[in-house]
C-alpha cells in the first residue's frame, strides 16, 4: 500500500484519502453568465498530463481536511503537498530535488 504525506497528519495509508481532481481551477467570476458549453468546460474538462500534476486530496480517514499535492502521474510519486491557500510549487524545482528511489523530496 502506498503512503501519502498529509501536510497535517504526516504519512498515512492511501485508503484514508480521496482524490479531489485538478487543483487551482478557479470558480467562474460570473457563473450566471456562462453558457451550457462553458459550464460543461468548467465542470468536466480538466488537464490530463503525463508527469507532474497539481491535484486536490481529502484526508477522510484522518484530519478530514483538503490539501493540494503535486503528483507525478507516471510513477504516482508525490513530489509536494501543501495547503489549499498556498501557491503551487515550481515543478522544475520539485523535479530537481526529488529522488526516484524514495519517491519524494530530498
PDB file of N, CA and C in Angstrom:
ATOM      1  N   UNK A   1       0.832  -1.173   0.000  1.00  0.00           N
ATOM      2  CA  UNK A   1       0.000   0.000   0.000  1.00  0.00           C
ATOM      3  C   UNK A   1       0.883   1.243   0.000  1.00  0.00           C
ATOM      4  N   UNK A   2       0.474   2.261  -0.737  1.00  0.00           N
ATOM      5  CA  UNK A   2       1.246   3.498  -0.811  1.00  0.00           C
ATOM      6  C   UNK A   2       0.942   4.398   0.377  1.00  0.00           C
ATOM      7  N   UNK A   3       1.965   5.111   0.812  1.00  0.00           N
ATOM      8  CA  UNK A   3       1.801   6.114   1.845  1.00  0.00           C
ATOM      9  C   UNK A   3       1.681   7.481   1.184  1.00  0.00           C
ATOM     10  N   UNK A   4       0.719   8.265   1.651  1.00  0.00           N
ATOM     11  CA  UNK A   4       0.514   9.620   1.145  1.00  0.00           C
ATOM     12  C   UNK A   4       0.857  10.586   2.274  1.00  0.00           C
ATOM     13  N   UNK A   5       1.666  11.621   1.985  1.00  0.00           N
ATOM     14  CA  UNK A   5       2.052  12.568   3.028  1.00  0.00           C
ATOM     15  C   UNK A   5       0.990  13.651   3.219  1.00  0.00           C
ATOM     16  N   UNK A   6       0.209  13.563   4.275  1.00  0.00           N
ATOM     17  CA  UNK A   6      -0.755  14.609   4.616  1.00  0.00           C
ATOM     18  C   UNK A   6       0.013  15.761   5.259  1.00  0.00           C
ATOM     19  N   UNK A   7      -0.204  17.011   4.839  1.00  0.00           N
ATOM     20  CA  UNK A   7       0.532  18.124   5.455  1.00  0.00           C
ATOM     21  C   UNK A   7       0.138  18.370   6.908  1.00  0.00           C
ATOM     22  N   UNK A   8      -1.000  17.794   7.345  1.00  0.00           N
ATOM     23  CA  UNK A   8      -1.461  17.985   8.720  1.00  0.00           C
ATOM     24  C   UNK A   8      -1.148  16.791   9.614  1.00  0.00           C
ATOM     25  N   UNK A   9      -1.163  15.576   9.059  1.00  0.00           N
ATOM     26  CA  UNK A   9      -1.042  14.349   9.863  1.00  0.00           C
ATOM     27  C   UNK A   9       0.223  13.552   9.595  1.00  0.00           C
ATOM     28  N   UNK A  10       0.951  13.871   8.539  1.00  0.00           N
ATOM     29  CA  UNK A  10       2.124  13.087   8.170  1.00  0.00           C
ATOM     30  C   UNK A  10       1.763  11.925   7.246  1.00  0.00           C
ATOM     31  N   UNK A  11       2.659  10.958   7.125  1.00  0.00           N
ATOM     32  CA  UNK A  11       2.481   9.811   6.225  1.00  0.00           C
ATOM     33  C   UNK A  11       1.324   8.927   6.696  1.00  0.00           C
ATOM     34  N   UNK A  12       0.398   8.645   5.787  1.00  0.00           N
ATOM     35  CA  UNK A  12      -0.735   7.763   6.090  1.00  0.00           C
ATOM     36  C   UNK A  12      -1.002   6.872   4.891  1.00  0.00           C
ATOM     37  N   UNK A  13      -1.689   5.757   5.119  1.00  0.00           N
ATOM     38  CA  UNK A  13      -2.007   4.835   4.030  1.00  0.00           C
ATOM     39  C   UNK A  13      -3.022   5.452   3.087  1.00  0.00           C
ATOM     40  N   UNK A  14      -2.885   5.122   1.803  1.00  0.00           N
ATOM     41  CA  UNK A  14      -3.719   5.734   0.775  1.00  0.00           C
ATOM     42  C   UNK A  14      -5.211   5.479   0.968  1.00  0.00           C
ATOM     43  N   UNK A  15      -5.596   4.436   1.668  1.00  0.00           N
ATOM     44  CA  UNK A  15      -7.008   4.112   1.893  1.00  0.00           C
ATOM     45  C   UNK A  15      -7.726   5.219   2.674  1.00  0.00           C
ATOM     46  N   UNK A  16      -6.954   6.069   3.373  1.00  0.00           N
ATOM     47  CA  UNK A  16      -7.525   7.156   4.165  1.00  0.00           C
ATOM     48  C   UNK A  16      -7.881   8.388   3.332  1.00  0.00           C
ATOM     49  N   UNK A  17      -7.522   8.396   2.049  1.00  0.00           N
ATOM     50  CA  UNK A  17      -7.654   9.598   1.227  1.00  0.00           C
ATOM     51  C   UNK A  17      -8.637   9.417   0.083  1.00  0.00           C
ATOM     52  N   UNK A  18      -9.162  10.552  -0.380  1.00  0.00           N
ATOM     53  CA  UNK A  18      -9.993  10.584  -1.583  1.00  0.00           C
ATOM     54  C   UNK A  18      -9.432  11.637  -2.526  1.00  0.00           C
ATOM     55  N   UNK A  19      -9.344  11.270  -3.798  1.00  0.00           N
ATOM     56  CA  UNK A  19      -8.868  12.167  -4.841  1.00  0.00           C
ATOM     57  C   UNK A  19      -9.934  13.211  -5.131  1.00  0.00           C
ATOM     58  N   UNK A  20      -9.534  14.463  -5.283  1.00  0.00           N
ATOM     59  CA  UNK A  20     -10.497  15.539  -5.497  1.00  0.00           C
ATOM     60  C   UNK A  20     -10.370  16.260  -6.815  1.00  0.00           C
ATOM     61  N   UNK A  21      -9.541  15.762  -7.738  1.00  0.00           N
ATOM     62  CA  UNK A  21      -9.439  16.395  -9.049  1.00  0.00           C
ATOM     63  C   UNK A  21      -8.297  17.382  -9.134  1.00  0.00           C
ATOM     64  N   UNK A  22      -8.297  18.102 -10.226  1.00  0.00           N
ATOM     65  CA  UNK A  22      -7.240  19.066 -10.516  1.00  0.00           C
ATOM     66  C   UNK A  22      -7.298  20.233  -9.544  1.00  0.00           C
ATOM     67  N   UNK A  23      -6.149  20.661  -9.062  1.00  0.00           N
ATOM     68  CA  UNK A  23      -6.053  21.816  -8.164  1.00  0.00           C
ATOM     69  C   UNK A  23      -5.942  23.105  -8.977  1.00  0.00           C
ATOM     70  N   UNK A  24      -6.211  24.198  -8.317  1.00  0.00           N
ATOM     71  CA  UNK A  24      -6.036  25.540  -8.874  1.00  0.00           C
ATOM     72  C   UNK A  24      -6.967  25.809 -10.061  1.00  0.00           C
ATOM     73  N   UNK A  25      -8.184  25.286 -10.005  1.00  0.00           N
ATOM     74  CA  UNK A  25      -9.195  25.576 -11.032  1.00  0.00           C
ATOM     75  C   UNK A  25     -10.111  26.653 -10.437  1.00  0.00           C
ATOM     76  N   UNK A  26     -10.009  27.885 -10.923  1.00  0.00           N
ATOM     77  CA  UNK A  26     -10.794  28.960 -10.317  1.00  0.00           C
ATOM     78  C   UNK A  26     -12.282  28.848 -10.654  1.00  0.00           C
ATOM     79  N   UNK A  27     -13.107  29.169  -9.672  1.00  0.00           N
ATOM     80  CA  UNK A  27     -14.550  29.218  -9.886  1.00  0.00           C
ATOM     81  C   UNK A  27     -14.852  30.389 -10.813  1.00  0.00           C
ATOM     82  N   UNK A  28     -15.790  30.244 -11.741  1.00  0.00           N
ATOM     83  CA  UNK A  28     -16.093  31.341 -12.671  1.00  0.00           C
ATOM     84  C   UNK A  28     -16.498  32.623 -11.934  1.00  0.00           C
ATOM     85  N   UNK A  29     -16.008  33.750 -12.413  1.00  0.00           N
ATOM     86  CA  UNK A  29     -16.299  35.040 -11.781  1.00  0.00           C
ATOM     87  C   UNK A  29     -17.783  35.377 -11.864  1.00  0.00           C
ATOM     88  N   UNK A  30     -18.410  35.078 -12.992  1.00  0.00           N
ATOM     89  CA  UNK A  30     -19.838  35.346 -13.177  1.00  0.00           C
ATOM     90  C   UNK A  30     -20.518  34.062 -13.645  1.00  0.00           C
ATOM     91  N   UNK A  31     -20.816  33.154 -12.730  1.00  0.00           N
ATOM     92  CA  UNK A  31     -21.369  31.854 -13.132  1.00  0.00           C
ATOM     93  C   UNK A  31     -22.699  31.955 -13.873  1.00  0.00           C
ATOM     94  N   UNK A  32     -23.524  32.932 -13.546  1.00  0.00           N
ATOM     95  CA  UNK A  32     -24.821  33.077 -14.205  1.00  0.00           C
ATOM     96  C   UNK A  32     -24.677  33.474 -15.672  1.00  0.00           C
ATOM     97  N   UNK A  33     -23.542  34.035 -16.041  1.00  0.00           N
ATOM     98  CA  UNK A  33     -23.324  34.485 -17.413  1.00  0.00           C
ATOM     99  C   UNK A  33     -22.788  33.386 -18.325  1.00  0.00           C
ATOM    100  N   UNK A  34     -22.465  32.217 -17.768  1.00  0.00           N
ATOM    101  CA  UNK A  34     -21.889  31.145 -18.583  1.00  0.00           C
ATOM    102  C   UNK A  34     -22.949  30.421 -19.396  1.00  0.00           C
ATOM    103  N   UNK A  35     -22.559  30.036 -20.590  1.00  0.00           N
ATOM    104  CA  UNK A  35     -23.432  29.205 -21.424  1.00  0.00           C
ATOM    105  C   UNK A  35     -23.342  27.760 -20.947  1.00  0.00           C
ATOM    106  N   UNK A  36     -24.206  26.909 -21.455  1.00  0.00           N
ATOM    107  CA  UNK A  36     -24.142  25.490 -21.099  1.00  0.00           C
ATOM    108  C   UNK A  36     -22.797  24.883 -21.487  1.00  0.00           C
ATOM    109  N   UNK A  37     -22.280  25.253 -22.644  1.00  0.00           N
ATOM    110  CA  UNK A  37     -20.990  24.729 -23.094  1.00  0.00           C
ATOM    111  C   UNK A  37     -19.858  25.191 -22.177  1.00  0.00           C
ATOM    112  N   UNK A  38     -19.916  26.448 -21.728  1.00  0.00           N
ATOM    113  CA  UNK A  38     -18.888  26.964 -20.816  1.00  0.00           C
ATOM    114  C   UNK A  38     -18.966  26.274 -19.455  1.00  0.00           C
ATOM    115  N   UNK A  39     -20.200  25.981 -18.980  1.00  0.00           N
ATOM    116  CA  UNK A  39     -20.348  25.234 -17.724  1.00  0.00           C
ATOM    117  C   UNK A  39     -19.775  23.831 -17.878  1.00  0.00           C
ATOM    118  N   UNK A  40     -20.061  23.209 -19.006  1.00  0.00           N
ATOM    119  CA  UNK A  40     -19.525  21.862 -19.250  1.00  0.00           C
ATOM    120  C   UNK A  40     -18.003  21.884 -19.231  1.00  0.00           C
ATOM    121  N   UNK A  41     -17.408  22.892 -19.868  1.00  0.00           N
ATOM    122  CA  UNK A  41     -15.942  23.015 -19.846  1.00  0.00           C
ATOM    123  C   UNK A  41     -15.434  23.143 -18.416  1.00  0.00           C
ATOM    124  N   UNK A  42     -16.092  23.986 -17.605  1.00  0.00           N
ATOM    125  CA  UNK A  42     -15.659  24.189 -16.226  1.00  0.00           C
ATOM    126  C   UNK A  42     -15.818  22.917 -15.385  1.00  0.00           C
ATOM    127  N   UNK A  43     -16.946  22.240 -15.531  1.00  0.00           N
ATOM    128  CA  UNK A  43     -17.246  21.094 -14.682  1.00  0.00           C
ATOM    129  C   UNK A  43     -16.527  19.805 -15.064  1.00  0.00           C
ATOM    130  N   UNK A  44     -16.377  19.557 -16.355  1.00  0.00           N
ATOM    131  CA  UNK A  44     -15.963  18.228 -16.789  1.00  0.00           C
ATOM    132  C   UNK A  44     -14.612  18.132 -17.485  1.00  0.00           C
ATOM    133  N   UNK A  45     -14.093  19.215 -17.997  1.00  0.00           N
ATOM    134  CA  UNK A  45     -12.862  19.127 -18.768  1.00  0.00           C
ATOM    135  C   UNK A  45     -11.678  19.617 -17.951  1.00  0.00           C
ATOM    136  N   UNK A  46     -10.763  18.703 -17.715  1.00  0.00           N
ATOM    137  CA  UNK A  46      -9.566  19.002 -16.944  1.00  0.00           C
ATOM    138  C   UNK A  46      -8.337  18.528 -17.713  1.00  0.00           C
ATOM    139  N   UNK A  47      -7.193  19.041 -17.299  1.00  0.00           N
ATOM    140  CA  UNK A  47      -5.937  18.588 -17.891  1.00  0.00           C
ATOM    141  C   UNK A  47      -5.711  17.126 -17.511  1.00  0.00           C
ATOM    142  N   UNK A  48      -4.966  16.430 -18.321  1.00  0.00           N
ATOM    143  CA  UNK A  48      -4.632  15.033 -18.043  1.00  0.00           C
ATOM    144  C   UNK A  48      -3.195  14.783 -18.510  1.00  0.00           C
ATOM    145  N   UNK A  49      -2.231  15.429 -17.836  1.00  0.00           N
ATOM    146  CA  UNK A  49      -0.849  15.353 -18.308  1.00  0.00           C
ATOM    147  C   UNK A  49      -0.149  14.064 -17.898  1.00  0.00           C
ATOM    148  N   UNK A  50       0.896  13.791 -18.615  1.00  0.00           N
ATOM    149  CA  UNK A  50       1.816  12.721 -18.231  1.00  0.00           C
ATOM    150  C   UNK A  50       2.968  13.417 -17.510  1.00  0.00           C
ATOM    151  N   UNK A  51       3.092  13.148 -16.220  1.00  0.00           N
ATOM    152  CA  UNK A  51       4.131  13.802 -15.431  1.00  0.00           C
ATOM    153  C   UNK A  51       3.537  14.550 -14.256  1.00  0.00           C
ATOM    154  N   UNK A  52       4.255  15.559 -13.740  1.00  0.00           N
ATOM    155  CA  UNK A  52       3.802  16.282 -12.545  1.00  0.00           C
ATOM    156  C   UNK A  52       2.471  16.995 -12.779  1.00  0.00           C
ATOM    157  N   UNK A  53       1.589  16.890 -11.790  1.00  0.00           N
ATOM    158  CA  UNK A  53       0.239  17.430 -11.911  1.00  0.00           C
ATOM    159  C   UNK A  53      -0.242  17.874 -10.535  1.00  0.00           C
ATOM    160  N   UNK A  54      -0.774  19.092 -10.440  1.00  0.00           N
ATOM    161  CA  UNK A  54      -1.296  19.610  -9.170  1.00  0.00           C
ATOM    162  C   UNK A  54      -2.720  19.093  -8.963  1.00  0.00           C
ATOM    163  N   UNK A  55      -2.946  18.456  -7.811  1.00  0.00           N
ATOM    164  CA  UNK A  55      -4.229  17.808  -7.522  1.00  0.00           C
ATOM    165  C   UNK A  55      -4.736  18.210  -6.146  1.00  0.00           C
ATOM    166  N   UNK A  56      -6.025  17.983  -5.932  1.00  0.00           N
ATOM    167  CA  UNK A  56      -6.644  18.166  -4.616  1.00  0.00           C
ATOM    168  C   UNK A  56      -6.863  16.795  -3.997  1.00  0.00           C
ATOM    169  N   UNK A  57      -6.632  16.692  -2.697  1.00  0.00           N
ATOM    170  CA  UNK A  57      -6.851  15.449  -1.965  1.00  0.00           C
ATOM    171  C   UNK A  57      -7.578  15.760  -0.668  1.00  0.00           C
ATOM    172  N   UNK A  58      -8.403  14.807  -0.224  1.00  0.00           N
ATOM    173  CA  UNK A  58      -9.156  14.943   1.018  1.00  0.00           C
ATOM    174  C   UNK A  58      -8.761  13.810   1.958  1.00  0.00           C
ATOM    175  N   UNK A  59      -8.346  14.147   3.171  1.00  0.00           N
ATOM    176  CA  UNK A  59      -7.931  13.137   4.134  1.00  0.00           C
ATOM    177  C   UNK A  59      -9.140  12.732   4.980  1.00  0.00           C
ATOM    178  N   UNK A  60      -9.972  11.884   4.415  1.00  0.00           N
ATOM    179  CA  UNK A  60     -11.235  11.490   5.049  1.00  0.00           C
ATOM    180  C   UNK A  60     -11.034  10.594   6.264  1.00  0.00           C
ATOM    181  N   UNK A  61      -9.936   9.854   6.321  1.00  0.00           N
ATOM    182  CA  UNK A  61      -9.687   8.948   7.435  1.00  0.00           C
ATOM    183  C   UNK A  61      -8.778   9.518   8.493  1.00  0.00           C
ATOM    184  N   UNK A  62      -8.510  10.811   8.425  1.00  0.00           N
ATOM    185  CA  UNK A  62      -7.619  11.439   9.384  1.00  0.00           C
ATOM    186  C   UNK A  62      -8.154  12.788   9.810  1.00  0.00           C
ATOM    187  N   UNK A  63      -7.489  13.851   9.388  1.00  0.00           N
ATOM    188  CA  UNK A  63      -7.846  15.205   9.820  1.00  0.00           C
ATOM    189  C   UNK A  63      -9.102  15.749   9.157  1.00  0.00           C
ATOM    190  N   UNK A  64      -9.584  15.063   8.123  1.00  0.00           N
ATOM    191  CA  UNK A  64     -10.791  15.467   7.385  1.00  0.00           C
ATOM    192  C   UNK A  64     -10.646  16.860   6.781  1.00  0.00           C
ATOM    193  N   UNK A  65      -9.446  17.122   6.227  1.00  0.00           N
ATOM    194  CA  UNK A  65      -9.163  18.415   5.606  1.00  0.00           C
ATOM    195  C   UNK A  65      -8.676  18.204   4.182  1.00  0.00           C
ATOM    196  N   UNK A  66      -8.935  19.196   3.346  1.00  0.00           N
ATOM    197  CA  UNK A  66      -8.443  19.204   1.969  1.00  0.00           C
ATOM    198  C   UNK A  66      -7.013  19.721   1.951  1.00  0.00           C
ATOM    199  N   UNK A  67      -6.232  19.226   1.002  1.00  0.00           N
ATOM    200  CA  UNK A  67      -4.903  19.769   0.742  1.00  0.00           C
ATOM    201  C   UNK A  67      -4.592  19.571  -0.725  1.00  0.00           C
ATOM    202  N   UNK A  68      -3.564  20.240  -1.189  1.00  0.00           N
ATOM    203  CA  UNK A  68      -3.108  20.097  -2.566  1.00  0.00           C
ATOM    204  C   UNK A  68      -1.815  19.297  -2.586  1.00  0.00           C
ATOM    205  N   UNK A  69      -1.589  18.648  -3.706  1.00  0.00           N
ATOM    206  CA  UNK A  69      -0.359  17.878  -3.887  1.00  0.00           C
ATOM    207  C   UNK A  69       0.083  17.964  -5.332  1.00  0.00           C
ATOM    208  N   UNK A  70       1.364  17.908  -5.557  1.00  0.00           N
ATOM    209  CA  UNK A  70       1.891  17.724  -6.904  1.00  0.00           C
ATOM    210  C   UNK A  70       2.336  16.274  -6.964  1.00  0.00           C
ATOM    211  N   UNK A  71       1.717  15.537  -7.896  1.00  0.00           N
ATOM    212  CA  UNK A  71       1.979  14.103  -8.028  1.00  0.00           C
ATOM    213  C   UNK A  71       2.403  13.810  -9.456  1.00  0.00           C
ATOM    214  N   UNK A  72       3.399  12.949  -9.608  1.00  0.00           N
ATOM    215  CA  UNK A  72       3.827  12.515 -10.935  1.00  0.00           C
ATOM    216  C   UNK A  72       2.873  11.405 -11.385  1.00  0.00           C
ATOM    217  N   UNK A  73       2.124  11.655 -12.445  1.00  0.00           N
ATOM    218  CA  UNK A  73       1.113  10.691 -12.890  1.00  0.00           C
ATOM    219  C   UNK A  73       1.710   9.452 -13.548  1.00  0.00           C
ATOM    220  N   UNK A  74       2.988   9.489 -13.904  1.00  0.00           N
ATOM    221  CA  UNK A  74       3.608   8.302 -14.496  1.00  0.00           C
ATOM    222  C   UNK A  74       4.119   7.327 -13.443  1.00  0.00           C
ATOM    223  N   UNK A  75       4.480   7.836 -12.277  1.00  0.00           N
ATOM    224  CA  UNK A  75       5.037   6.978 -11.227  1.00  0.00           C
ATOM    225  C   UNK A  75       4.195   6.959  -9.956  1.00  0.00           C
ATOM    226  N   UNK A  76       3.209   7.838  -9.875  1.00  0.00           N
ATOM    227  CA  UNK A  76       2.347   8.011  -8.712  1.00  0.00           C
ATOM    228  C   UNK A  76       3.090   8.639  -7.524  1.00  0.00           C
ATOM    229  N   UNK A  77       4.316   9.090  -7.724  1.00  0.00           N
ATOM    230  CA  UNK A  77       5.093   9.712  -6.652  1.00  0.00           C
ATOM    231  C   UNK A  77       4.532  11.080  -6.296  1.00  0.00           C
ATOM    232  N   UNK A  78       4.408  11.361  -5.011  1.00  0.00           N
ATOM    233  CA  UNK A  78       4.030  12.677  -4.537  1.00  0.00           C
ATOM    234  C   UNK A  78       5.297  13.509  -4.425  1.00  0.00           C
ATOM    235  N   UNK A  79       5.352  14.614  -5.156  1.00  0.00           N
ATOM    236  CA  UNK A  79       6.541  15.470  -5.152  1.00  0.00           C
ATOM    237  C   UNK A  79       6.441  16.579  -4.115  1.00  0.00           C
ATOM    238  N   UNK A  80       5.203  16.979  -3.772  1.00  0.00           N
ATOM    239  CA  UNK A  80       4.987  18.018  -2.764  1.00  0.00           C
ATOM    240  C   UNK A  80       3.550  17.960  -2.285  1.00  0.00           C
ATOM    241  N   UNK A  81       3.336  18.351  -1.050  1.00  0.00           N
ATOM    242  CA  UNK A  81       1.993  18.548  -0.508  1.00  0.00           C
ATOM    243  C   UNK A  81       1.966  19.930   0.138  1.00  0.00           C
ATOM    244  N   UNK A  82       0.823  20.602   0.047  1.00  0.00           N
ATOM    245  CA  UNK A  82       0.732  21.963   0.569  1.00  0.00           C
ATOM    246  C   UNK A  82      -0.726  22.326   0.820  1.00  0.00           C
ATOM    247  N   UNK A  83      -0.947  23.368   1.590  1.00  0.00           N
ATOM    248  CA  UNK A  83      -2.287  23.801   1.954  1.00  0.00           C
ATOM    249  C   UNK A  83      -2.994  24.423   0.743  1.00  0.00           C
ATOM    250  N   UNK A  84      -4.319  24.355   0.696  1.00  0.00           N
ATOM    251  CA  UNK A  84      -5.064  24.869  -0.460  1.00  0.00           C
ATOM    252  C   UNK A  84      -4.827  26.347  -0.766  1.00  0.00           C
ATOM    253  N   UNK A  85      -4.540  27.158   0.244  1.00  0.00           N
ATOM    254  CA  UNK A  85      -4.324  28.590   0.008  1.00  0.00           C
ATOM    255  C   UNK A  85      -2.891  28.924  -0.401  1.00  0.00           C
ATOM    256  N   UNK A  86      -2.002  27.953  -0.312  1.00  0.00           N
ATOM    257  CA  UNK A  86      -0.610  28.184  -0.694  1.00  0.00           C
ATOM    258  C   UNK A  86      -0.472  28.139  -2.220  1.00  0.00           C
ATOM    259  N   UNK A  87       0.498  28.880  -2.766  1.00  0.00           N
ATOM    260  CA  UNK A  87       0.716  28.818  -4.218  1.00  0.00           C
ATOM    261  C   UNK A  87       1.289  27.464  -4.633  1.00  0.00           C
ATOM    262  N   UNK A  88       1.059  27.101  -5.890  1.00  0.00           N
ATOM    263  CA  UNK A  88       1.593  25.853  -6.424  1.00  0.00           C
ATOM    264  C   UNK A  88       3.119  25.938  -6.465  1.00  0.00           C
ATOM    265  N   UNK A  89       3.812  24.919  -5.974  1.00  0.00           N
ATOM    266  CA  UNK A  89       5.284  24.918  -6.036  1.00  0.00           C
ATOM    267  C   UNK A  89       5.767  24.866  -7.488  1.00  0.00           C
ATOM    268  N   UNK A  90       6.974  25.341  -7.689  1.00  0.00           N
ATOM    269  CA  UNK A  90       7.582  25.308  -9.017  1.00  0.00           C
ATOM    270  C   UNK A  90       7.928  23.862  -9.376  1.00  0.00           C
ATOM    271  N   UNK A  91       7.390  23.388 -10.490  1.00  0.00           N
ATOM    272  CA  UNK A  91       7.565  21.991 -10.904  1.00  0.00           C
ATOM    273  C   UNK A  91       9.034  21.673 -11.189  1.00  0.00           C
ATOM    274  N   UNK A  92       9.738  22.570 -11.861  1.00  0.00           N
ATOM    275  CA  UNK A  92      11.154  22.317 -12.192  1.00  0.00           C
ATOM    276  C   UNK A  92      11.985  22.142 -10.924  1.00  0.00           C
ATOM    277  N   UNK A  93      11.725  22.948  -9.914  1.00  0.00           N
ATOM    278  CA  UNK A  93      12.448  22.835  -8.644  1.00  0.00           C
ATOM    279  C   UNK A  93      12.125  21.509  -7.961  1.00  0.00           C
ATOM    280  N   UNK A  94      10.843  21.111  -7.985  1.00  0.00           N
ATOM    281  CA  UNK A  94      10.463  19.829  -7.379  1.00  0.00           C
ATOM    282  C   UNK A  94      11.169  18.661  -8.056  1.00  0.00           C
ATOM    283  N   UNK A  95      11.206  18.681  -9.375  1.00  0.00           N
ATOM    284  CA  UNK A  95      11.850  17.591 -10.111  1.00  0.00           C
ATOM    285  C   UNK A  95      13.347  17.553  -9.841  1.00  0.00           C
ATOM    286  N   UNK A  96      13.969  18.714  -9.719  1.00  0.00           N
ATOM    287  CA  UNK A  96      15.410  18.766  -9.453  1.00  0.00           C
ATOM    288  C   UNK A  96      15.737  18.246  -8.057  1.00  0.00           C
ATOM    289  N   UNK A  97      14.795  18.400  -7.112  1.00  0.00           N
ATOM    290  CA  UNK A  97      15.046  17.994  -5.727  1.00  0.00           C
ATOM    291  C   UNK A  97      14.477  16.636  -5.359  1.00  0.00           C
ATOM    292  N   UNK A  98      13.849  15.945  -6.295  1.00  0.00           N
ATOM    293  CA  UNK A  98      13.247  14.647  -5.960  1.00  0.00           C
ATOM    294  C   UNK A  98      14.250  13.515  -6.162  1.00  0.00           C
ATOM    295  N   UNK A  99      14.037  12.448  -5.400  1.00  0.00           N
ATOM    296  CA  UNK A  99      14.873  11.264  -5.521  1.00  0.00           C
ATOM    297  C   UNK A  99      13.982  10.107  -5.942  1.00  0.00           C
ATOM    298  N   UNK A 100      14.210   9.486  -7.071  1.00  0.00           N
ATOM    299  CA  UNK A 100      13.324   8.438  -7.569  1.00  0.00           C
ATOM    300  C   UNK A 100      13.232   7.218  -6.653  1.00  0.00           C
ATOM    301  N   UNK A 101      14.292   6.900  -5.931  1.00  0.00           N
ATOM    302  CA  UNK A 101      14.245   5.693  -5.099  1.00  0.00           C
ATOM    303  C   UNK A 101      13.324   5.853  -3.899  1.00  0.00           C
ATOM    304  N   UNK A 102      13.115   7.100  -3.456  1.00  0.00           N
ATOM    305  CA  UNK A 102      12.258   7.315  -2.296  1.00  0.00           C
ATOM    306  C   UNK A 102      10.917   7.950  -2.657  1.00  0.00           C
ATOM    307  N   UNK A 103      10.777   8.409  -3.888  1.00  0.00           N
ATOM    308  CA  UNK A 103       9.504   8.925  -4.320  1.00  0.00           C
ATOM    309  C   UNK A 103       9.117  10.254  -3.710  1.00  0.00           C
ATOM    310  N   UNK A 104      10.077  11.067  -3.379  1.00  0.00           N
ATOM    311  CA  UNK A 104       9.695  12.342  -2.782  1.00  0.00           C
ATOM    312  C   UNK A 104      10.843  13.314  -2.732  1.00  0.00           C
ATOM    313  N   UNK A 105      10.646  14.411  -2.039  1.00  0.00           N
ATOM    314  CA  UNK A 105      11.695  15.425  -1.959  1.00  0.00           C
ATOM    315  C   UNK A 105      12.937  14.917  -1.245  1.00  0.00           C
ATOM    316  N   UNK A 106      14.075  15.461  -1.630  1.00  0.00           N
ATOM    317  CA  UNK A 106      15.352  15.117  -0.977  1.00  0.00           C
ATOM    318  C   UNK A 106      15.439  15.740   0.375  1.00  0.00           C
TER     319      UNK A 106
END
